[in-house]
Amino acid sequence: MAGQDGGAVTVVRAVRVWPVAGQPAGLPEGLPDEIAAVAVAPAGPSWPEHRMRFAIEVVGDGVSGWHAPVGESVARLVVDTLADGLVGHDAAAPRKLVYRQRAGRHQHGAHARQAASAVELACWDLASRASGRTVPELLGGTVRVRVPAYASALGLDPAHPEAVKAAAWIAEQGFWGQKWPLTKELLRQGPRVVGRVLGVLREAAGEGRFMVDGLRRCRLDEALTLMPVLADLEVTFAEELLAPGGFAWAQVRSAGVRVPMAAGEHAVDEHEQTRLLAGGVVDVWQTDPGWSGGLARSLHTIEVAADLGMATFPHGDRLWAALALASACCRDKVPAVEWHLTLEPLRQQVFTEATVVESGMLPSAPGAGLTPPPVTTSPLPVWAVGS
């Protein structure tokens, strides 16, 4: 891809890391009353990776690609292990990134995969801005310009007396569905209480889809007793009642109660993704482009899941990347993406332009780039590699 002067505008000349604001404490402003009444303050500001956050910039000839936010450990891995090998790479060929030289011993695990994902996503952003084409177009073509969102109520207290109003509000807003957490307190009180609490919310959701997230909190005995309750609630899927793929997970799946089980967002390494997909372990696939290795790898697993008869629901942590994937795939492959009711407004504060849900739908992609540019907090980068 050449510029008007004949230069290769998508060749990476430098990698820079810029500071962005840490996650603010408390809930975002402007939450609807129904949501604010039952919301729990997010824990993010207490986590080191959320207190100090950074943006990754890959610099081409007169144009840059961005990815944000990342924590300090991930930013440091980008600089120490990936940046030297990234200089000279053609960002218009992001699938070749895996063949670039890497330094050091930290090549595997969650932080290493986040670092690799960050530079891959930044390269898609650069390629899009340089070409003037949207990322979905670069992925193969835009199938839809608006994408359904399902409401993640993981920041809400399902046992709060006002939670039923929140569930009704979500349904009224036109979301594809709503997902509620199985809190530690709920699990402690047993399946009857779980059924009673979630049953009220399920009724308030009306004809909308209803999901639950166990956040890996269940013991095997708890998960086994919960499955009939979830079946009675007709949940669309139960996400990570416990750690997927192990003995306990297999016991729950073989118990004879057919509740679709979802997992995948924490499967950071390729071999783990393949094991879960090809091993018949899950019924619903979830991918997080910020953890999985980036867009190319996520798109590959979406196609594999579709071949195996599974729908994919991209994780909402990297919303813009999830939207790019969804807009390049038909609704049978990716029915909806996750919109976290209390966290996503905070995540959007990192960018110069924030996206919002309208009638349960989100725009597929910005006009150029994968994301709007981030808001940096310093006139100089923290680290820089290359010219």
Protein backbone atom coordinates (compact mmCIF):
# COMPACT_ATOMS: atom_id res chain seq x y z
CA MET A 1 0.00 0.00 0.00
CA ALA A 2 1.75 3.15 -1.21
CA GLY A 3 1.17 6.80 -0.46
CA GLN A 4 1.06 9.62 -3.00
CA ASP A 5 4.83 10.04 -2.73
CA GLY A 6 5.42 6.35 -3.40
CA GLY A 7 6.27 5.55 0.23
CA ALA A 8 4.87 2.51 1.93
CA VAL A 9 2.59 4.24 4.43
CA THR A 10 1.71 1.04 6.31
CA VAL A 11 5.26 -0.02 7.09
CA VAL A 12 5.80 0.38 10.83
CA ARG A 13 8.63 2.85 11.48
CA ALA A 14 8.28 3.15 15.24
CA VAL A 15 6.36 1.89 18.25
CA ARG A 16 5.40 4.32 20.98
CA VAL A 17 3.66 3.92 24.32
CA TRP A 18 1.63 6.83 25.70
CA PRO A 19 -0.02 7.24 29.12
CA VAL A 20 -3.79 7.48 29.30
CA ALA A 21 -5.97 8.18 32.31
CA GLY A 22 -6.48 5.44 34.86
CA GLN A 23 -9.94 4.03 35.37
CA PRO A 24 -11.86 6.46 37.58
CA ALA A 25 -13.27 5.19 40.84
CA GLY A 26 -16.97 4.66 41.21
CA LEU A 27 -19.74 4.33 38.68
CA PRO A 28 -19.91 6.34 35.45
CA GLU A 29 -22.09 9.40 35.33
CA GLY A 30 -25.36 9.36 33.48
CA LEU A 31 -26.46 5.80 34.22
CA PRO A 32 -30.23 5.32 33.93
CA ASP A 33 -31.92 5.43 37.31
CA GLU A 34 -33.03 1.80 37.00
CA ILE A 35 -29.41 0.68 36.53
CA ALA A 36 -27.77 3.06 39.02
CA ALA A 37 -30.14 1.91 41.78
CA VAL A 38 -28.78 -1.66 41.77
CA ALA A 39 -25.24 -1.07 40.48
CA VAL A 40 -22.16 -2.14 42.41
CA ALA A 41 -19.07 0.08 42.19
CA PRO A 42 -16.52 -1.58 39.87
CA ALA A 43 -13.33 -2.99 41.35
CA GLY A 44 -11.15 -1.81 38.46
CA PRO A 45 -9.61 1.26 40.12
CA SER A 46 -8.11 -1.03 42.78
CA TRP A 47 -6.31 -3.16 40.17
CA PRO A 48 -2.78 -2.08 39.22
CA GLU A 49 -3.42 -2.63 35.49
CA HIS A 50 -6.37 -0.23 35.66
CA ARG A 51 -4.74 2.46 37.79
CA MET A 52 -1.88 2.94 35.28
CA ARG A 53 -2.97 2.54 31.68
CA PHE A 54 -1.30 3.12 28.34
CA ALA A 55 -1.97 3.40 24.61
CA ILE A 56 0.10 1.58 21.98
CA GLU A 57 0.92 3.56 18.82
CA VAL A 58 2.39 1.97 15.70
CA VAL A 59 3.76 4.73 13.47
CA GLY A 60 3.70 4.51 9.69
CA ASP A 61 4.62 7.17 7.14
CA GLY A 62 2.39 10.08 8.10
CA VAL A 63 -0.25 7.90 9.75
CA SER A 64 -0.49 5.95 13.01
CA GLY A 65 -2.49 3.06 14.37
CA TRP A 66 -3.60 2.88 17.99
CA HIS A 67 -4.73 0.43 20.62
CA ALA A 68 -5.84 1.31 24.16
CA PRO A 69 -5.95 0.81 27.01
CA VAL A 70 -3.39 -1.71 28.24
CA GLY A 71 -1.84 -2.14 31.67
CA GLU A 72 1.78 -1.39 32.48
CA SER A 73 2.93 -5.02 32.37
CA VAL A 74 1.44 -5.49 28.89
CA ALA A 75 2.90 -2.20 27.66
CA ARG A 76 6.30 -3.23 28.97
CA LEU A 77 6.07 -6.56 27.13
CA VAL A 78 5.21 -4.75 23.91
CA VAL A 79 8.37 -2.65 24.27
CA ASP A 80 10.68 -5.40 25.51
CA THR A 81 9.59 -8.36 23.40
CA LEU A 82 7.69 -7.15 20.32
CA ALA A 83 8.63 -3.61 19.34
CA ASP A 84 12.02 -4.30 17.71
CA GLY A 85 10.57 -7.05 15.55
CA LEU A 86 7.55 -4.93 14.68
CA VAL A 87 9.62 -2.13 13.15
CA GLY A 88 9.70 -2.77 9.41
CA HIS A 89 6.52 -4.84 9.43
CA ASP A 90 3.81 -4.03 6.87
CA ALA A 91 0.69 -3.35 8.91
CA ALA A 92 -1.42 -4.14 5.84
CA ALA A 93 -0.43 -7.79 6.41
CA PRO A 94 -1.40 -8.32 10.06
CA ARG A 95 -1.64 -12.08 9.63
CA LYS A 96 2.14 -12.17 9.14
CA LEU A 97 2.76 -10.65 12.57
CA VAL A 98 3.24 -14.06 14.16
CA TYR A 99 6.38 -14.54 12.03
CA ARG A 100 8.08 -11.35 13.23
CA GLN A 101 11.05 -11.70 15.56
CA ARG A 102 10.37 -11.64 19.28
CA ALA A 103 12.80 -11.10 22.13
CA GLY A 104 13.00 -12.55 25.61
CA ARG A 105 11.47 -15.59 27.26
CA HIS A 106 7.92 -14.34 27.91
CA GLN A 107 6.22 -15.75 24.83
CA HIS A 108 3.21 -17.46 26.38
CA GLY A 109 0.49 -16.79 28.89
CA ALA A 110 -2.14 -14.12 29.38
CA HIS A 111 0.08 -11.03 29.40
CA ALA A 112 2.12 -12.17 26.41
CA ARG A 113 -1.07 -12.82 24.44
CA GLN A 114 -2.47 -9.43 25.45
CA ALA A 115 0.70 -7.76 24.19
CA ALA A 116 0.57 -9.66 20.88
CA SER A 117 -3.13 -8.82 20.56
CA ALA A 118 -2.48 -5.14 21.24
CA VAL A 119 0.05 -4.73 18.42
CA GLU A 120 -2.11 -6.78 16.03
CA LEU A 121 -5.13 -4.60 16.72
CA ALA A 122 -3.00 -1.45 16.37
CA CYS A 123 -1.83 -2.72 12.97
CA TRP A 124 -5.42 -3.17 11.80
CA ASP A 125 -6.08 0.40 12.94
CA LEU A 126 -3.07 1.65 10.95
CA ALA A 127 -4.03 -0.33 7.84
CA SER A 128 -7.55 1.04 7.96
CA ARG A 129 -6.48 4.65 8.38
CA ALA A 130 -3.88 4.38 5.63
CA SER A 131 -6.28 2.80 3.15
CA GLY A 132 -9.39 4.79 4.03
CA ARG A 133 -11.31 1.51 4.31
CA THR A 134 -13.07 0.30 7.43
CA VAL A 135 -11.66 -2.66 9.33
CA PRO A 136 -14.70 -4.85 8.46
CA GLU A 137 -13.96 -4.16 4.79
CA LEU A 138 -10.36 -5.24 5.33
CA LEU A 139 -11.58 -8.39 7.07
CA GLY A 140 -13.48 -9.41 3.95
CA GLY A 141 -16.49 -7.13 3.67
CA THR A 142 -19.15 -5.41 5.75
CA VAL A 143 -22.16 -7.66 6.21
CA ARG A 144 -24.08 -5.26 8.44
CA VAL A 145 -23.60 -1.67 9.55
CA ARG A 146 -25.42 -2.07 12.88
CA VAL A 147 -24.82 -4.87 15.36
CA PRO A 148 -27.17 -6.11 18.12
CA ALA A 149 -25.87 -5.78 21.67
CA TYR A 150 -26.80 -7.87 24.66
CA ALA A 151 -26.77 -6.17 28.05
CA SER A 152 -24.28 -7.52 30.55
CA ALA A 153 -25.65 -6.86 34.02
CA LEU A 154 -22.55 -8.25 35.74
CA GLY A 155 -22.12 -4.93 37.54
CA LEU A 156 -25.60 -5.17 39.08
CA ASP A 157 -26.86 -6.95 42.19
CA PRO A 158 -29.46 -9.50 41.06
CA ALA A 159 -30.83 -9.88 44.60
CA HIS A 160 -31.49 -6.16 45.07
CA PRO A 161 -35.21 -5.40 45.51
CA GLU A 162 -35.04 -2.97 42.57
CA ALA A 163 -33.27 -5.40 40.22
CA VAL A 164 -36.57 -6.36 38.61
CA LYS A 165 -36.92 -2.78 37.39
CA ALA A 166 -33.46 -2.97 35.83
CA ALA A 167 -34.36 -6.20 34.03
CA ALA A 168 -37.55 -4.61 32.70
CA TRP A 169 -35.63 -1.50 31.59
CA ILE A 170 -33.11 -3.65 29.68
CA ALA A 171 -35.95 -5.40 27.88
CA GLU A 172 -37.62 -2.09 27.03
CA GLN A 173 -34.40 -0.74 25.50
CA GLY A 174 -34.40 -3.40 22.79
CA PHE A 175 -31.24 -5.28 23.78
CA TRP A 176 -30.76 -8.69 22.14
CA GLY A 177 -30.81 -10.20 25.62
CA GLN A 178 -29.52 -9.74 29.15
CA LYS A 179 -26.92 -11.58 31.23
CA TRP A 180 -26.92 -11.65 35.04
CA PRO A 181 -24.23 -12.81 37.48
CA LEU A 182 -24.39 -15.72 39.87
CA THR A 183 -22.96 -13.88 42.86
CA LYS A 184 -21.17 -15.58 45.72
CA GLU A 185 -24.02 -14.68 48.06
CA LEU A 186 -26.60 -16.22 45.74
CA LEU A 187 -24.62 -19.42 45.38
CA ARG A 188 -24.17 -19.64 49.14
CA GLN A 189 -27.94 -19.57 49.64
CA GLY A 190 -28.52 -22.54 47.35
CA PRO A 191 -30.40 -23.37 44.15
CA ARG A 192 -33.89 -22.56 45.46
CA VAL A 193 -32.90 -18.98 46.23
CA VAL A 194 -31.09 -18.75 42.91
CA GLY A 195 -34.23 -19.92 41.14
CA ARG A 196 -36.45 -17.49 43.02
CA VAL A 197 -34.18 -14.46 42.48
CA LEU A 198 -33.43 -15.15 38.83
CA GLY A 199 -37.01 -16.23 38.15
CA VAL A 200 -38.27 -12.73 38.95
CA LEU A 201 -35.69 -11.22 36.61
CA ARG A 202 -36.48 -13.77 33.93
CA GLU A 203 -40.14 -12.85 34.08
CA ALA A 204 -39.31 -9.14 33.85
CA ALA A 205 -37.17 -9.83 30.76
CA GLY A 206 -40.31 -11.01 28.97
CA GLU A 207 -39.65 -12.56 25.57
CA GLY A 208 -36.02 -11.38 25.61
CA ARG A 209 -33.14 -13.82 25.89
CA PHE A 210 -31.78 -14.47 29.36
CA MET A 211 -28.23 -15.61 30.21
CA VAL A 212 -26.21 -16.15 33.37
CA ASP A 213 -22.50 -15.92 34.14
CA GLY A 214 -21.05 -18.05 36.91
CA LEU A 215 -17.70 -16.23 36.79
CA ARG A 216 -16.10 -19.63 37.60
CA ARG A 217 -17.44 -19.38 41.14
CA CYS A 218 -19.38 -22.65 41.32
CA ARG A 219 -18.16 -25.82 42.95
CA LEU A 220 -19.02 -29.02 41.12
CA ASP A 221 -21.88 -29.86 43.49
CA GLU A 222 -23.30 -26.33 43.15
CA ALA A 223 -23.14 -26.44 39.36
CA LEU A 224 -24.88 -29.83 39.25
CA THR A 225 -27.76 -28.64 41.42
CA LEU A 226 -28.04 -25.38 39.47
CA MET A 227 -28.43 -26.96 36.04
CA PRO A 228 -32.10 -27.97 36.48
CA VAL A 229 -32.86 -24.48 37.80
CA LEU A 230 -31.25 -22.88 34.76
CA ALA A 231 -33.09 -25.27 32.47
CA ASP A 232 -36.41 -24.23 34.02
CA LEU A 233 -35.46 -20.60 33.43
CA GLU A 234 -34.79 -21.44 29.76
CA VAL A 235 -31.47 -19.62 29.77
CA THR A 236 -29.96 -19.03 26.35
CA PHE A 237 -26.55 -19.98 27.72
CA ALA A 238 -24.74 -20.38 31.03
CA GLU A 239 -21.27 -18.87 30.93
CA GLU A 240 -18.36 -20.36 32.87
CA LEU A 241 -20.17 -21.79 35.85
CA LEU A 242 -16.74 -23.23 36.59
CA ALA A 243 -13.40 -23.44 34.80
CA PRO A 244 -14.11 -24.85 31.32
CA GLY A 245 -12.62 -28.02 29.95
CA GLY A 246 -11.68 -29.80 33.17
CA PHE A 247 -13.11 -32.79 35.04
CA ALA A 248 -15.83 -30.80 36.82
CA TRP A 249 -16.92 -29.15 33.57
CA ALA A 250 -17.21 -32.58 31.92
CA GLN A 251 -19.27 -33.89 34.83
CA VAL A 252 -21.74 -31.04 34.51
CA ARG A 253 -22.05 -31.51 30.75
CA SER A 254 -22.67 -35.23 31.17
CA ALA A 255 -25.34 -34.77 33.86
CA GLY A 256 -28.13 -34.97 31.28
CA VAL A 257 -29.55 -31.45 31.74
CA ARG A 258 -29.21 -29.64 28.43
CA VAL A 259 -28.31 -26.06 29.23
CA PRO A 260 -26.01 -24.54 26.56
CA MET A 261 -22.62 -23.86 28.14
CA ALA A 262 -20.48 -20.94 26.97
CA ALA A 263 -16.75 -20.32 27.30
CA GLY A 264 -13.72 -19.09 25.39
CA GLU A 265 -12.97 -15.53 26.44
CA HIS A 266 -10.21 -16.71 28.80
CA ALA A 267 -8.74 -19.19 26.32
CA VAL A 268 -5.73 -17.06 25.50
CA ASP A 269 -3.42 -19.59 23.84
CA GLU A 270 -4.15 -21.15 20.47
CA HIS A 271 -3.91 -24.73 21.70
CA GLU A 272 -6.48 -24.02 24.43
CA GLN A 273 -8.85 -22.44 21.90
CA THR A 274 -8.50 -25.47 19.63
CA ARG A 275 -9.01 -27.89 22.52
CA LEU A 276 -12.23 -26.25 23.64
CA LEU A 277 -13.62 -25.88 20.12
CA ALA A 278 -12.67 -29.23 18.63
CA GLY A 279 -13.19 -31.27 21.78
CA GLY A 280 -16.94 -30.79 21.98
CA VAL A 281 -16.48 -28.98 25.27
CA VAL A 282 -18.65 -25.90 24.64
CA ASP A 283 -22.00 -25.13 23.02
CA VAL A 284 -21.49 -21.39 22.63
CA TRP A 285 -18.16 -19.79 21.75
CA GLN A 286 -16.84 -16.54 23.19
CA THR A 287 -13.73 -14.80 21.97
CA ASP A 288 -11.96 -11.72 23.25
CA PRO A 289 -9.81 -10.11 20.52
CA GLY A 290 -7.74 -8.39 23.20
CA TRP A 291 -6.72 -11.74 24.68
CA SER A 292 -7.03 -14.27 21.87
CA GLY A 293 -4.24 -12.97 19.63
CA GLY A 294 -6.19 -10.27 17.80
CA LEU A 295 -8.75 -10.01 15.03
CA ALA A 296 -7.30 -12.56 12.63
CA ARG A 297 -7.19 -15.29 15.26
CA SER A 298 -10.64 -14.40 16.58
CA LEU A 299 -12.10 -14.50 13.08
CA HIS A 300 -10.54 -17.92 12.56
CA THR A 301 -12.12 -19.32 15.73
CA ILE A 302 -15.48 -17.80 14.78
CA GLU A 303 -15.34 -19.68 11.47
CA VAL A 304 -14.34 -22.92 13.20
CA ALA A 305 -17.17 -22.51 15.70
CA ALA A 306 -19.64 -21.92 12.86
CA ASP A 307 -18.45 -25.06 11.09
CA LEU A 308 -19.15 -26.96 14.32
CA GLY A 309 -22.63 -25.44 14.63
CA MET A 310 -21.82 -22.91 17.34
CA ALA A 311 -22.62 -19.22 17.49
CA THR A 312 -19.99 -16.79 18.79
CA PHE A 313 -20.56 -13.87 21.15
CA PRO A 314 -17.42 -11.68 21.23
CA HIS A 315 -16.45 -10.51 24.69
CA GLY A 316 -17.08 -6.82 25.31
CA ASP A 317 -13.73 -5.86 26.85
CA ARG A 318 -12.48 -4.65 23.42
CA LEU A 319 -15.80 -3.42 22.10
CA TRP A 320 -14.57 -1.86 18.85
CA ALA A 321 -12.73 -5.04 17.86
CA ALA A 322 -15.81 -7.10 18.75
CA LEU A 323 -17.93 -4.84 16.55
CA ALA A 324 -15.53 -5.20 13.63
CA LEU A 325 -15.79 -8.98 13.89
CA ALA A 326 -19.57 -8.91 14.18
CA SER A 327 -20.04 -6.59 11.23
CA ALA A 328 -17.92 -8.86 9.02
CA CYS A 329 -19.98 -11.93 10.00
CA CYS A 330 -23.63 -12.84 9.48
CA ARG A 331 -25.96 -12.96 12.46
CA ASP A 332 -25.93 -16.77 12.57
CA LYS A 333 -22.18 -16.69 13.23
CA VAL A 334 -22.21 -13.68 15.58
CA PRO A 335 -25.73 -12.92 16.84
CA ALA A 336 -24.68 -10.11 19.21
CA VAL A 337 -21.81 -8.53 21.12
CA GLU A 338 -21.58 -7.77 24.82
CA TRP A 339 -22.33 -4.30 26.21
CA HIS A 340 -21.40 -4.06 29.89
CA LEU A 341 -23.91 -1.67 31.41
CA THR A 342 -21.61 -0.18 34.06
CA LEU A 343 -18.08 -0.80 32.72
CA GLU A 344 -18.46 0.10 29.06
CA PRO A 345 -19.21 3.80 29.68
CA LEU A 346 -15.94 3.91 31.69
CA ARG A 347 -14.03 2.12 28.92
CA GLN A 348 -15.33 4.59 26.34
CA GLN A 349 -13.81 7.49 28.30
CA VAL A 350 -10.40 6.45 26.94
CA PHE A 351 -11.36 7.46 23.39
CA THR A 352 -11.85 10.83 21.74
CA GLU A 353 -15.30 9.67 20.64
CA ALA A 354 -17.59 7.45 22.68
CA THR A 355 -20.11 5.05 21.23
CA VAL A 356 -23.54 4.52 22.71
CA VAL A 357 -26.28 1.93 22.34
CA GLU A 358 -29.40 3.03 20.49
CA SER A 359 -32.43 0.73 20.56
CA GLY A 360 -30.19 -2.17 21.48
CA MET A 361 -27.90 -1.65 18.48
CA LEU A 362 -24.31 -0.44 18.02
CA PRO A 363 -22.52 1.00 14.96
CA SER A 364 -20.33 -1.57 13.24
CA ALA A 365 -17.13 0.49 12.97
CA PRO A 366 -15.71 4.02 12.79
CA GLY A 367 -15.30 5.53 9.33
CA ALA A 368 -11.56 4.85 9.47
CA GLY A 369 -9.49 2.92 11.94
CA LEU A 370 -10.47 0.20 14.35
CA THR A 371 -11.17 2.63 17.20
CA PRO A 372 -11.32 6.39 17.68
CA PRO A 373 -7.91 7.72 18.77
CA PRO A 374 -7.29 7.51 22.52
CA VAL A 375 -6.97 10.52 24.81
CA THR A 376 -3.33 10.64 25.94
CA THR A 377 -2.29 12.49 29.11
CA SER A 378 1.27 13.52 28.21
CA PRO A 379 2.90 15.45 25.33
CA LEU A 380 5.65 12.80 25.17
CA PRO A 381 5.54 9.01 25.00
CA VAL A 382 6.69 6.94 27.94
CA TRP A 383 8.65 4.57 25.69
CA ALA A 384 9.60 4.72 22.02
CA VAL A 385 11.32 2.20 19.73
CA GLY A 386 12.35 3.06 16.17
CA SER A 387 12.60 6.33 14.32
